[in-house]
Amino acid sequence: MTTTVEKTTNYSRTLQMVQIAMFSVLMMIGANISSFLVIGGVPITLQTFFAILAGMILGSRTGLIAMLFYAFIGLAGLPVFAQFSGGIDSLISPTFGFIVSYFFVAYIVGEIVRKVPSVKGFIVAALVGTAINYVIGTNWMYAAYKFWFAAPEGFTYQMAWAWMVVPLPKDIILAIFAGIFGYRLKPIVQRFKK
């Protein structure tokens, strides 16, 4: 006979798996909804927005698992990364550092909102997540172009960062929106966990 505790545990695990799958799908959609826009070799996507929301809504641990699951699906060969790419060769792509950054974004954002569960805390967490994305992604891109990809003529570290200036206003606006949206959405999602 199944006890109430077992039913609750099974429900929680099932809900967690559904949330992980849902955020993986959101990352797939976010990777390609606008990735036809490419600036300096960097596709403009909504992935950072969804990685931030994963950390806020799912928490640091589950948000991290969702991002790892998304990366695993892409590395396994499904075309879920930006510009419908995928496969193990994505590891050496100049933009793979942005995918790596999503692990840290989701985890750190989740930790910040856990410690500072206010709208201000959510907005700060989203902006920190965006900064992490830029630092890891841009440094990976620079290293990739310098060490294992053919760098564009006259490519410098400053040029790599200059490419990131164009999407920066969009990402700051989306981070603030993610903070406000995540703050309002989290209590609604929490109700389903009970």
N, C-alpha and C. Protein backbone atom coordinates (compact mmCIF):
# COMPACT_ATOMS: atom_id res chain seq x y z
N MET A 1 0.84 -1.20 0.00
CA MET A 1 0.00 0.00 0.00
C MET A 1 0.88 1.25 0.00
N THR A 2 0.56 2.16 -0.87
CA THR A 2 1.36 3.38 -1.00
C THR A 2 0.96 4.38 0.07
N THR A 3 1.97 4.91 0.73
CA THR A 3 1.70 5.89 1.78
C THR A 3 1.63 7.29 1.17
N THR A 4 1.13 8.22 1.98
CA THR A 4 1.04 9.62 1.55
C THR A 4 2.41 10.19 1.27
N VAL A 5 3.40 9.82 2.09
CA VAL A 5 4.77 10.31 1.91
C VAL A 5 5.33 9.84 0.57
N GLU A 6 5.09 8.55 0.23
CA GLU A 6 5.58 8.03 -1.05
C GLU A 6 4.91 8.73 -2.23
N LYS A 7 3.60 8.98 -2.10
CA LYS A 7 2.88 9.68 -3.17
C LYS A 7 3.42 11.09 -3.35
N THR A 8 3.67 11.77 -2.24
CA THR A 8 4.22 13.13 -2.29
C THR A 8 5.60 13.14 -2.92
N THR A 9 6.44 12.15 -2.53
CA THR A 9 7.79 12.06 -3.08
C THR A 9 7.75 11.78 -4.58
N ASN A 10 6.89 10.85 -4.99
CA ASN A 10 6.75 10.54 -6.42
C ASN A 10 6.25 11.74 -7.20
N TYR A 11 5.30 12.48 -6.64
CA TYR A 11 4.77 13.68 -7.29
C TYR A 11 5.87 14.72 -7.44
N SER A 12 6.67 14.92 -6.37
CA SER A 12 7.75 15.91 -6.40
C SER A 12 8.79 15.56 -7.46
N ARG A 13 9.15 14.28 -7.53
CA ARG A 13 10.15 13.85 -8.53
C ARG A 13 9.61 14.02 -9.95
N THR A 14 8.36 13.65 -10.14
CA THR A 14 7.75 13.79 -11.46
C THR A 14 7.70 15.25 -11.86
N LEU A 15 7.27 16.11 -10.93
CA LEU A 15 7.21 17.55 -11.21
C LEU A 15 8.59 18.09 -11.55
N GLN A 16 9.60 17.66 -10.81
CA GLN A 16 10.96 18.12 -11.05
C GLN A 16 11.43 17.69 -12.45
N MET A 17 11.15 16.46 -12.85
CA MET A 17 11.54 15.98 -14.19
C MET A 17 10.83 16.77 -15.29
N VAL A 18 9.55 17.07 -15.06
CA VAL A 18 8.79 17.86 -16.04
C VAL A 18 9.39 19.26 -16.15
N GLN A 19 9.74 19.87 -15.02
CA GLN A 19 10.32 21.21 -15.04
C GLN A 19 11.68 21.23 -15.74
N ILE A 20 12.49 20.21 -15.50
CA ILE A 20 13.80 20.11 -16.16
C ILE A 20 13.59 20.01 -17.67
N ALA A 21 12.67 19.13 -18.08
CA ALA A 21 12.39 18.97 -19.51
C ALA A 21 11.84 20.26 -20.11
N MET A 22 10.96 20.93 -19.37
CA MET A 22 10.35 22.16 -19.87
C MET A 22 11.40 23.25 -20.10
N PHE A 23 12.32 23.41 -19.15
CA PHE A 23 13.34 24.45 -19.33
C PHE A 23 14.36 24.06 -20.39
N SER A 24 14.59 22.77 -20.58
CA SER A 24 15.45 22.34 -21.69
C SER A 24 14.82 22.71 -23.02
N VAL A 25 13.52 22.50 -23.13
CA VAL A 25 12.79 22.86 -24.36
C VAL A 25 12.81 24.38 -24.55
N LEU A 26 12.62 25.14 -23.48
CA LEU A 26 12.67 26.60 -23.59
C LEU A 26 14.05 27.05 -24.08
N MET A 27 15.11 26.38 -23.61
CA MET A 27 16.45 26.71 -24.08
C MET A 27 16.59 26.42 -25.57
N MET A 28 16.00 25.30 -26.01
CA MET A 28 16.06 24.96 -27.44
C MET A 28 15.35 26.01 -28.28
N ILE A 29 14.18 26.44 -27.81
CA ILE A 29 13.43 27.48 -28.52
C ILE A 29 14.20 28.79 -28.48
N GLY A 30 14.68 29.16 -27.30
CA GLY A 30 15.43 30.40 -27.14
C GLY A 30 16.70 30.44 -27.97
N ALA A 31 17.29 29.27 -28.23
CA ALA A 31 18.51 29.21 -29.03
C ALA A 31 18.27 29.58 -30.48
N ASN A 32 17.06 29.32 -30.96
CA ASN A 32 16.82 29.46 -32.39
C ASN A 32 15.73 30.44 -32.77
N ILE A 33 15.05 31.01 -31.80
CA ILE A 33 13.95 31.92 -32.12
C ILE A 33 14.44 33.17 -32.85
N SER A 34 15.67 33.57 -32.55
CA SER A 34 16.21 34.76 -33.24
C SER A 34 17.66 34.57 -33.65
N SER A 35 18.13 33.33 -33.71
CA SER A 35 19.55 33.09 -33.96
C SER A 35 19.98 33.36 -35.40
N PHE A 36 19.02 33.73 -36.25
CA PHE A 36 19.40 34.13 -37.61
C PHE A 36 20.14 35.46 -37.56
N LEU A 37 20.03 36.19 -36.44
CA LEU A 37 20.80 37.42 -36.24
C LEU A 37 22.16 37.04 -35.68
N VAL A 38 23.21 37.29 -36.42
CA VAL A 38 24.56 36.95 -35.98
C VAL A 38 25.42 38.20 -36.05
N ILE A 39 26.06 38.52 -34.92
CA ILE A 39 26.93 39.70 -34.87
C ILE A 39 28.31 39.24 -34.44
N GLY A 40 29.30 39.41 -35.32
CA GLY A 40 30.66 39.01 -34.99
C GLY A 40 30.80 37.53 -34.70
N GLY A 41 30.00 36.72 -35.35
CA GLY A 41 30.07 35.28 -35.12
C GLY A 41 29.25 34.80 -33.93
N VAL A 42 28.58 35.72 -33.24
CA VAL A 42 27.78 35.36 -32.06
C VAL A 42 26.29 35.48 -32.40
N PRO A 43 25.56 34.34 -32.40
CA PRO A 43 24.11 34.41 -32.66
C PRO A 43 23.40 35.13 -31.51
N ILE A 44 22.43 35.94 -31.83
CA ILE A 44 21.64 36.65 -30.82
C ILE A 44 20.46 35.74 -30.45
N THR A 45 20.45 35.28 -29.21
CA THR A 45 19.43 34.33 -28.77
C THR A 45 18.76 34.81 -27.49
N LEU A 46 17.81 34.01 -27.01
CA LEU A 46 17.13 34.27 -25.73
C LEU A 46 17.54 33.25 -24.67
N GLN A 47 18.63 32.55 -24.88
CA GLN A 47 19.03 31.49 -23.96
C GLN A 47 19.41 32.01 -22.57
N THR A 48 20.09 33.12 -22.51
CA THR A 48 20.47 33.66 -21.20
C THR A 48 19.23 33.97 -20.37
N PHE A 49 18.21 34.51 -21.02
CA PHE A 49 16.94 34.80 -20.36
C PHE A 49 16.36 33.54 -19.72
N PHE A 50 16.33 32.43 -20.48
CA PHE A 50 15.76 31.19 -19.96
C PHE A 50 16.66 30.53 -18.93
N ALA A 51 17.98 30.66 -19.06
CA ALA A 51 18.90 30.12 -18.06
C ALA A 51 18.71 30.84 -16.73
N ILE A 52 18.52 32.16 -16.80
CA ILE A 52 18.27 32.96 -15.59
C ILE A 52 16.96 32.50 -14.95
N LEU A 53 15.91 32.37 -15.75
CA LEU A 53 14.61 31.92 -15.21
C LEU A 53 14.70 30.52 -14.62
N ALA A 54 15.52 29.65 -15.22
CA ALA A 54 15.68 28.29 -14.68
C ALA A 54 16.22 28.34 -13.26
N GLY A 55 17.23 29.17 -13.04
CA GLY A 55 17.78 29.31 -11.70
C GLY A 55 16.79 29.89 -10.72
N MET A 56 16.03 30.89 -11.18
CA MET A 56 15.04 31.54 -10.31
C MET A 56 13.88 30.62 -9.95
N ILE A 57 13.33 29.97 -10.95
CA ILE A 57 12.11 29.19 -10.76
C ILE A 57 12.40 27.80 -10.21
N LEU A 58 13.42 27.14 -10.73
CA LEU A 58 13.71 25.76 -10.32
C LEU A 58 14.63 25.68 -9.12
N GLY A 59 15.37 26.75 -8.87
CA GLY A 59 16.37 26.72 -7.81
C GLY A 59 17.73 26.37 -8.40
N SER A 60 18.77 26.54 -7.61
CA SER A 60 20.12 26.39 -8.13
C SER A 60 20.41 24.97 -8.63
N ARG A 61 20.09 23.97 -7.84
CA ARG A 61 20.42 22.59 -8.21
C ARG A 61 19.62 22.11 -9.41
N THR A 62 18.31 22.25 -9.36
CA THR A 62 17.46 21.78 -10.46
C THR A 62 17.67 22.61 -11.71
N GLY A 63 17.90 23.92 -11.55
CA GLY A 63 18.20 24.77 -12.70
C GLY A 63 19.48 24.33 -13.38
N LEU A 64 20.50 23.99 -12.59
CA LEU A 64 21.76 23.49 -13.13
C LEU A 64 21.53 22.19 -13.90
N ILE A 65 20.74 21.28 -13.32
CA ILE A 65 20.45 20.00 -13.99
C ILE A 65 19.75 20.24 -15.33
N ALA A 66 18.82 21.19 -15.36
CA ALA A 66 18.11 21.50 -16.62
C ALA A 66 19.09 21.99 -17.68
N MET A 67 20.05 22.82 -17.29
CA MET A 67 21.03 23.33 -18.25
C MET A 67 21.98 22.21 -18.71
N LEU A 68 22.36 21.33 -17.79
CA LEU A 68 23.20 20.19 -18.15
C LEU A 68 22.46 19.26 -19.11
N PHE A 69 21.18 19.04 -18.85
CA PHE A 69 20.36 18.19 -19.71
C PHE A 69 20.27 18.78 -21.12
N TYR A 70 20.06 20.08 -21.19
CA TYR A 70 20.01 20.77 -22.48
C TYR A 70 21.33 20.58 -23.24
N ALA A 71 22.46 20.80 -22.55
CA ALA A 71 23.77 20.66 -23.19
C ALA A 71 24.00 19.22 -23.65
N PHE A 72 23.59 18.26 -22.82
CA PHE A 72 23.76 16.85 -23.17
C PHE A 72 22.98 16.50 -24.45
N ILE A 73 21.76 16.99 -24.54
CA ILE A 73 20.93 16.74 -25.73
C ILE A 73 21.63 17.28 -26.98
N GLY A 74 22.16 18.49 -26.88
CA GLY A 74 22.86 19.08 -28.01
C GLY A 74 24.13 18.35 -28.37
N LEU A 75 24.92 17.99 -27.36
CA LEU A 75 26.17 17.27 -27.61
C LEU A 75 25.92 15.87 -28.15
N ALA A 76 24.76 15.30 -27.82
CA ALA A 76 24.39 13.98 -28.34
C ALA A 76 24.06 14.03 -29.83
N GLY A 77 23.90 15.22 -30.37
CA GLY A 77 23.71 15.35 -31.81
C GLY A 77 22.41 15.99 -32.25
N LEU A 78 21.49 16.24 -31.33
CA LEU A 78 20.25 16.89 -31.74
C LEU A 78 20.51 18.37 -32.03
N PRO A 79 19.89 18.94 -33.04
CA PRO A 79 20.17 20.33 -33.44
C PRO A 79 19.45 21.35 -32.55
N VAL A 80 19.87 21.46 -31.30
CA VAL A 80 19.18 22.32 -30.34
C VAL A 80 19.98 23.57 -29.97
N PHE A 81 21.22 23.65 -30.41
CA PHE A 81 22.01 24.84 -30.14
C PHE A 81 21.67 25.90 -31.18
N ALA A 82 22.21 27.10 -31.00
CA ALA A 82 21.93 28.21 -31.92
C ALA A 82 22.22 27.82 -33.35
N GLN A 83 21.40 28.34 -34.26
CA GLN A 83 21.49 28.06 -35.69
C GLN A 83 21.29 26.57 -35.98
N PHE A 84 20.49 25.92 -35.14
CA PHE A 84 20.14 24.51 -35.29
C PHE A 84 21.37 23.62 -35.41
N SER A 85 22.36 23.89 -34.57
CA SER A 85 23.57 23.07 -34.56
C SER A 85 23.50 22.09 -33.39
N GLY A 86 24.41 21.17 -33.37
CA GLY A 86 24.50 20.18 -32.31
C GLY A 86 25.62 19.22 -32.64
N GLY A 87 25.89 18.31 -31.73
CA GLY A 87 26.95 17.32 -31.94
C GLY A 87 28.15 17.61 -31.08
N ILE A 88 28.99 16.59 -30.92
CA ILE A 88 30.16 16.68 -30.04
C ILE A 88 31.16 17.72 -30.53
N ASP A 89 31.17 18.00 -31.84
CA ASP A 89 32.09 19.01 -32.36
C ASP A 89 31.73 20.42 -31.88
N SER A 90 30.54 20.57 -31.31
CA SER A 90 30.14 21.87 -30.75
C SER A 90 31.07 22.30 -29.61
N LEU A 91 31.74 21.31 -28.98
CA LEU A 91 32.65 21.62 -27.87
C LEU A 91 33.76 22.57 -28.27
N ILE A 92 34.16 22.53 -29.53
CA ILE A 92 35.25 23.42 -29.96
C ILE A 92 34.73 24.67 -30.67
N SER A 93 33.41 24.82 -30.72
CA SER A 93 32.83 26.01 -31.34
C SER A 93 33.21 27.26 -30.55
N PRO A 94 33.46 28.38 -31.23
CA PRO A 94 33.78 29.61 -30.51
C PRO A 94 32.67 30.06 -29.56
N THR A 95 31.43 29.66 -29.83
CA THR A 95 30.32 30.11 -28.97
C THR A 95 29.91 29.08 -27.92
N PHE A 96 30.60 27.95 -27.82
CA PHE A 96 30.22 26.94 -26.83
C PHE A 96 30.41 27.44 -25.40
N GLY A 97 31.27 28.41 -25.21
CA GLY A 97 31.47 28.98 -23.87
C GLY A 97 30.20 29.58 -23.31
N PHE A 98 29.34 30.09 -24.19
CA PHE A 98 28.06 30.62 -23.72
C PHE A 98 27.19 29.50 -23.16
N ILE A 99 27.24 28.33 -23.80
CA ILE A 99 26.47 27.18 -23.29
C ILE A 99 27.03 26.75 -21.95
N VAL A 100 28.35 26.70 -21.82
CA VAL A 100 28.98 26.37 -20.53
C VAL A 100 28.55 27.38 -19.47
N SER A 101 28.44 28.64 -19.84
CA SER A 101 28.09 29.67 -18.86
C SER A 101 26.70 29.45 -18.27
N TYR A 102 25.79 28.81 -19.02
CA TYR A 102 24.43 28.61 -18.52
C TYR A 102 24.40 27.74 -17.27
N PHE A 103 25.36 26.83 -17.13
CA PHE A 103 25.44 26.01 -15.91
C PHE A 103 25.64 26.92 -14.69
N PHE A 104 26.61 27.84 -14.82
CA PHE A 104 26.94 28.75 -13.73
C PHE A 104 25.83 29.78 -13.52
N VAL A 105 25.26 30.25 -14.64
CA VAL A 105 24.18 31.24 -14.55
C VAL A 105 23.03 30.68 -13.72
N ALA A 106 22.53 29.52 -14.10
CA ALA A 106 21.38 28.93 -13.39
C ALA A 106 21.69 28.69 -11.92
N TYR A 107 22.88 28.14 -11.64
CA TYR A 107 23.22 27.80 -10.25
C TYR A 107 23.37 29.07 -9.40
N ILE A 108 24.14 30.03 -9.88
CA ILE A 108 24.41 31.23 -9.07
C ILE A 108 23.15 32.09 -8.93
N VAL A 109 22.38 32.23 -10.00
CA VAL A 109 21.11 32.98 -9.91
C VAL A 109 20.20 32.32 -8.87
N GLY A 110 20.11 30.99 -8.91
CA GLY A 110 19.29 30.27 -7.94
C GLY A 110 19.72 30.51 -6.51
N GLU A 111 21.03 30.56 -6.29
CA GLU A 111 21.55 30.80 -4.94
C GLU A 111 21.27 32.24 -4.48
N ILE A 112 21.42 33.20 -5.38
CA ILE A 112 21.17 34.59 -5.00
C ILE A 112 19.71 34.79 -4.62
N VAL A 113 18.78 34.28 -5.43
CA VAL A 113 17.36 34.50 -5.12
C VAL A 113 16.93 33.72 -3.88
N ARG A 114 17.62 32.64 -3.58
CA ARG A 114 17.32 31.90 -2.34
C ARG A 114 17.70 32.74 -1.12
N LYS A 115 18.83 33.44 -1.23
CA LYS A 115 19.32 34.24 -0.11
C LYS A 115 18.67 35.62 -0.04
N VAL A 116 18.26 36.16 -1.20
CA VAL A 116 17.63 37.49 -1.24
C VAL A 116 16.32 37.37 -2.03
N PRO A 117 15.26 36.86 -1.38
CA PRO A 117 14.00 36.60 -2.10
C PRO A 117 13.10 37.83 -2.26
N SER A 118 13.69 38.93 -2.72
CA SER A 118 12.92 40.15 -2.96
C SER A 118 13.01 40.47 -4.44
N VAL A 119 12.17 41.39 -4.92
CA VAL A 119 12.22 41.76 -6.33
C VAL A 119 13.58 42.34 -6.68
N LYS A 120 14.16 43.10 -5.76
CA LYS A 120 15.50 43.66 -5.98
C LYS A 120 16.53 42.54 -6.09
N GLY A 121 16.41 41.54 -5.22
CA GLY A 121 17.31 40.40 -5.25
C GLY A 121 17.21 39.64 -6.56
N PHE A 122 16.00 39.48 -7.07
CA PHE A 122 15.80 38.79 -8.35
C PHE A 122 16.41 39.57 -9.51
N ILE A 123 16.25 40.88 -9.50
CA ILE A 123 16.82 41.70 -10.57
C ILE A 123 18.35 41.68 -10.52
N VAL A 124 18.90 41.81 -9.31
CA VAL A 124 20.36 41.75 -9.15
C VAL A 124 20.87 40.38 -9.61
N ALA A 125 20.17 39.31 -9.22
CA ALA A 125 20.56 37.96 -9.63
C ALA A 125 20.58 37.83 -11.15
N ALA A 126 19.57 38.39 -11.80
CA ALA A 126 19.50 38.33 -13.26
C ALA A 126 20.64 39.09 -13.92
N LEU A 127 20.98 40.25 -13.37
CA LEU A 127 22.09 41.03 -13.92
C LEU A 127 23.43 40.33 -13.68
N VAL A 128 23.58 39.71 -12.51
CA VAL A 128 24.80 38.93 -12.24
C VAL A 128 24.88 37.75 -13.21
N GLY A 129 23.75 37.08 -13.44
CA GLY A 129 23.72 35.97 -14.38
C GLY A 129 24.13 36.40 -15.78
N THR A 130 23.67 37.56 -16.20
CA THR A 130 24.03 38.09 -17.51
C THR A 130 25.53 38.38 -17.58
N ALA A 131 26.08 38.95 -16.51
CA ALA A 131 27.52 39.24 -16.46
C ALA A 131 28.33 37.94 -16.54
N ILE A 132 27.90 36.90 -15.83
CA ILE A 132 28.58 35.60 -15.88
C ILE A 132 28.57 35.06 -17.31
N ASN A 133 27.43 35.15 -17.95
CA ASN A 133 27.29 34.69 -19.33
C ASN A 133 28.28 35.40 -20.25
N TYR A 134 28.38 36.71 -20.10
CA TYR A 134 29.29 37.49 -20.95
C TYR A 134 30.74 37.15 -20.67
N VAL A 135 31.11 37.05 -19.41
CA VAL A 135 32.52 36.81 -19.07
C VAL A 135 32.97 35.44 -19.57
N ILE A 136 32.22 34.39 -19.25
CA ILE A 136 32.62 33.04 -19.67
C ILE A 136 32.53 32.91 -21.19
N GLY A 137 31.42 33.34 -21.77
CA GLY A 137 31.23 33.19 -23.20
C GLY A 137 32.23 33.95 -24.04
N THR A 138 32.50 35.19 -23.67
CA THR A 138 33.41 36.02 -24.46
C THR A 138 34.85 35.54 -24.33
N ASN A 139 35.25 35.14 -23.13
CA ASN A 139 36.61 34.63 -22.96
C ASN A 139 36.82 33.31 -23.69
N TRP A 140 35.81 32.43 -23.68
CA TRP A 140 35.89 31.18 -24.45
C TRP A 140 36.02 31.50 -25.95
N MET A 141 35.19 32.43 -26.41
CA MET A 141 35.21 32.80 -27.82
C MET A 141 36.59 33.33 -28.22
N TYR A 142 37.14 34.20 -27.40
CA TYR A 142 38.47 34.75 -27.69
C TYR A 142 39.50 33.63 -27.77
N ALA A 143 39.49 32.73 -26.78
CA ALA A 143 40.44 31.62 -26.76
C ALA A 143 40.25 30.70 -27.98
N ALA A 144 39.00 30.43 -28.33
CA ALA A 144 38.72 29.56 -29.48
C ALA A 144 39.28 30.16 -30.76
N TYR A 145 39.06 31.45 -30.95
CA TYR A 145 39.56 32.09 -32.17
C TYR A 145 41.09 32.17 -32.18
N LYS A 146 41.68 32.32 -31.03
CA LYS A 146 43.13 32.45 -30.96
C LYS A 146 43.85 31.11 -31.05
N PHE A 147 43.26 30.03 -30.49
CA PHE A 147 43.99 28.79 -30.37
C PHE A 147 43.54 27.65 -31.28
N TRP A 148 42.25 27.56 -31.62
CA TRP A 148 41.87 26.42 -32.45
C TRP A 148 40.94 26.77 -33.61
N PHE A 149 40.60 28.02 -33.78
CA PHE A 149 39.82 28.46 -34.93
C PHE A 149 40.60 29.55 -35.64
N ALA A 150 40.29 29.75 -36.91
CA ALA A 150 40.95 30.84 -37.64
C ALA A 150 40.32 32.16 -37.22
N ALA A 151 41.11 32.98 -36.57
CA ALA A 151 40.61 34.28 -36.11
C ALA A 151 40.43 35.22 -37.29
N PRO A 152 39.40 36.08 -37.24
CA PRO A 152 39.24 37.09 -38.29
C PRO A 152 40.47 38.01 -38.33
N GLU A 153 40.68 38.63 -39.45
CA GLU A 153 41.81 39.55 -39.63
C GLU A 153 41.83 40.62 -38.53
N GLY A 154 42.96 40.77 -37.86
CA GLY A 154 43.12 41.80 -36.84
C GLY A 154 42.35 41.53 -35.56
N PHE A 155 41.97 40.27 -35.32
CA PHE A 155 41.17 39.92 -34.14
C PHE A 155 41.96 40.14 -32.86
N THR A 156 41.34 40.85 -31.91
CA THR A 156 41.96 41.11 -30.62
C THR A 156 40.94 40.83 -29.51
N TYR A 157 41.44 40.84 -28.28
CA TYR A 157 40.57 40.65 -27.12
C TYR A 157 39.53 41.77 -27.06
N GLN A 158 39.96 42.99 -27.38
CA GLN A 158 39.04 44.13 -27.38
C GLN A 158 37.96 43.96 -28.45
N MET A 159 38.32 43.36 -29.60
CA MET A 159 37.34 43.14 -30.65
C MET A 159 36.28 42.13 -30.19
N ALA A 160 36.71 41.09 -29.48
CA ALA A 160 35.76 40.10 -28.97
C ALA A 160 34.73 40.77 -28.07
N TRP A 161 35.21 41.66 -27.21
CA TRP A 161 34.28 42.37 -26.31
C TRP A 161 33.45 43.41 -27.07
N ALA A 162 34.03 43.99 -28.12
CA ALA A 162 33.27 44.96 -28.93
C ALA A 162 32.08 44.29 -29.59
N TRP A 163 32.23 43.03 -30.01
CA TRP A 163 31.11 42.29 -30.59
C TRP A 163 29.96 42.15 -29.60
N MET A 164 30.29 42.10 -28.32
CA MET A 164 29.28 41.88 -27.29
C MET A 164 28.55 43.16 -26.89
N VAL A 165 29.04 44.31 -27.34
CA VAL A 165 28.39 45.57 -27.01
C VAL A 165 27.03 45.68 -27.68
N VAL A 166 26.91 45.15 -28.88
CA VAL A 166 25.65 45.27 -29.63
C VAL A 166 24.48 44.59 -28.91
N PRO A 167 24.61 43.32 -28.46
CA PRO A 167 23.47 42.70 -27.77
C PRO A 167 23.34 43.10 -26.29
N LEU A 168 24.31 43.85 -25.76
CA LEU A 168 24.28 44.20 -24.33
C LEU A 168 23.02 44.93 -23.88
N PRO A 169 22.56 45.97 -24.57
CA PRO A 169 21.32 46.65 -24.12
C PRO A 169 20.12 45.70 -24.07
N LYS A 170 20.01 44.84 -25.11
CA LYS A 170 18.92 43.85 -25.14
C LYS A 170 19.01 42.91 -23.94
N ASP A 171 20.23 42.47 -23.61
CA ASP A 171 20.41 41.52 -22.52
C ASP A 171 20.17 42.17 -21.15
N ILE A 172 20.51 43.43 -21.00
CA ILE A 172 20.23 44.13 -19.74
C ILE A 172 18.73 44.28 -19.55
N ILE A 173 18.04 44.68 -20.61
CA ILE A 173 16.57 44.83 -20.53
C ILE A 173 15.92 43.48 -20.22
N LEU A 174 16.37 42.43 -20.91
CA LEU A 174 15.81 41.09 -20.67
C LEU A 174 16.12 40.60 -19.26
N ALA A 175 17.30 40.95 -18.73
CA ALA A 175 17.66 40.55 -17.37
C ALA A 175 16.72 41.20 -16.36
N ILE A 176 16.46 42.49 -16.53
CA ILE A 176 15.55 43.19 -15.61
C ILE A 176 14.15 42.58 -15.72
N PHE A 177 13.71 42.33 -16.95
CA PHE A 177 12.41 41.70 -17.16
C PHE A 177 12.37 40.31 -16.52
N ALA A 178 13.45 39.53 -16.69
CA ALA A 178 13.52 38.19 -16.10
C ALA A 178 13.43 38.27 -14.58
N GLY A 179 14.09 39.26 -13.99
CA GLY A 179 14.04 39.42 -12.53
C GLY A 179 12.63 39.70 -12.04
N ILE A 180 11.93 40.60 -12.69
CA ILE A 180 10.55 40.95 -12.30
C ILE A 180 9.61 39.77 -12.57
N PHE A 181 9.74 39.17 -13.75
CA PHE A 181 8.89 38.05 -14.14
C PHE A 181 9.13 36.84 -13.23
N GLY A 182 10.41 36.55 -12.97
CA GLY A 182 10.75 35.42 -12.10
C GLY A 182 10.22 35.60 -10.69
N TYR A 183 10.31 36.83 -10.19
CA TYR A 183 9.81 37.13 -8.84
C TYR A 183 8.30 36.90 -8.74
N ARG A 184 7.59 37.27 -9.79
CA ARG A 184 6.13 37.09 -9.78
C ARG A 184 5.72 35.65 -10.05
N LEU A 185 6.51 34.95 -10.87
CA LEU A 185 6.17 33.59 -11.25
C LEU A 185 6.52 32.55 -10.18
N LYS A 186 7.57 32.79 -9.43
CA LYS A 186 8.05 31.79 -8.46
C LYS A 186 6.98 31.36 -7.46
N PRO A 187 6.22 32.27 -6.83
CA PRO A 187 5.19 31.83 -5.87
C PRO A 187 4.11 30.96 -6.53
N ILE A 188 3.81 31.22 -7.79
CA ILE A 188 2.81 30.43 -8.50
C ILE A 188 3.32 29.02 -8.71
N VAL A 189 4.59 28.89 -9.11
CA VAL A 189 5.19 27.57 -9.32
C VAL A 189 5.30 26.83 -8.00
N GLN A 190 5.64 27.55 -6.93
CA GLN A 190 5.80 26.92 -5.61
C GLN A 190 4.52 26.26 -5.13
N ARG A 191 3.37 26.80 -5.53
CA ARG A 191 2.10 26.22 -5.10
C ARG A 191 1.93 24.79 -5.60
N PHE A 192 2.48 24.50 -6.78
CA PHE A 192 2.36 23.15 -7.35
C PHE A 192 3.23 22.14 -6.63
N LYS A 193 4.22 22.61 -5.88
CA LYS A 193 5.12 21.69 -5.17
C LYS A 193 4.49 21.17 -3.89
N LYS A 194 3.40 21.79 -3.47
CA LYS A 194 2.79 21.39 -2.21
C LYS A 194 1.81 20.26 -2.41
